[in-house]
């Protein structure tokens, strides 16, 4: 058989395979399109307004913590849903303290034996009122607005209140029922 016939027979049996270069070109084009699409989605997600536009007066941000009598004096109760601690002071007053450290935003656990909040990231420490007792945190823990209606403790988690120090007017007390 002639060489020409042999070549035609091979082409019929084995069509020309794509070269490595053409395969890599198609791969790079595909990856480029994928990267462009991913970048576009990232830009759109960044520019879209956030869905956290719940106003602080809305019922969705108000958490009913429980009855006043449920919380013993000088105690701290964690509320996972609202991301705060409800602190009942020795004098019976309440504070709703944020769980985020004011240094780098780490979650600060309450150490009941030591009666303090201790940041696991950089060893900042805070007392039951959220006051700074050991830096590097720059200021006390933030608060949430707290109010008591019909002997029910309620916390508005819609907006954190940044503070520079503890003030007595930050503590909320239950009104005494006169008989």
Foldseek 3Di string as FASTA:
>chain_A
DDPVVVVVVCCVVPPDDDDPVVVVVVVVVVVVVVVVVVVVVVVVVVPDDDPLPDDLVDPVQKDFPFFLVVDDEQDWDDDPVLQWIWGQHNVGWIWTFHQAQQPPGAGWDQDVVVQWTFGPPPTWIAHSQQATDRDPRQAGTWTFDWAADPRIIMTRSSDTHDDRGDDPVNIYHDDDDDD
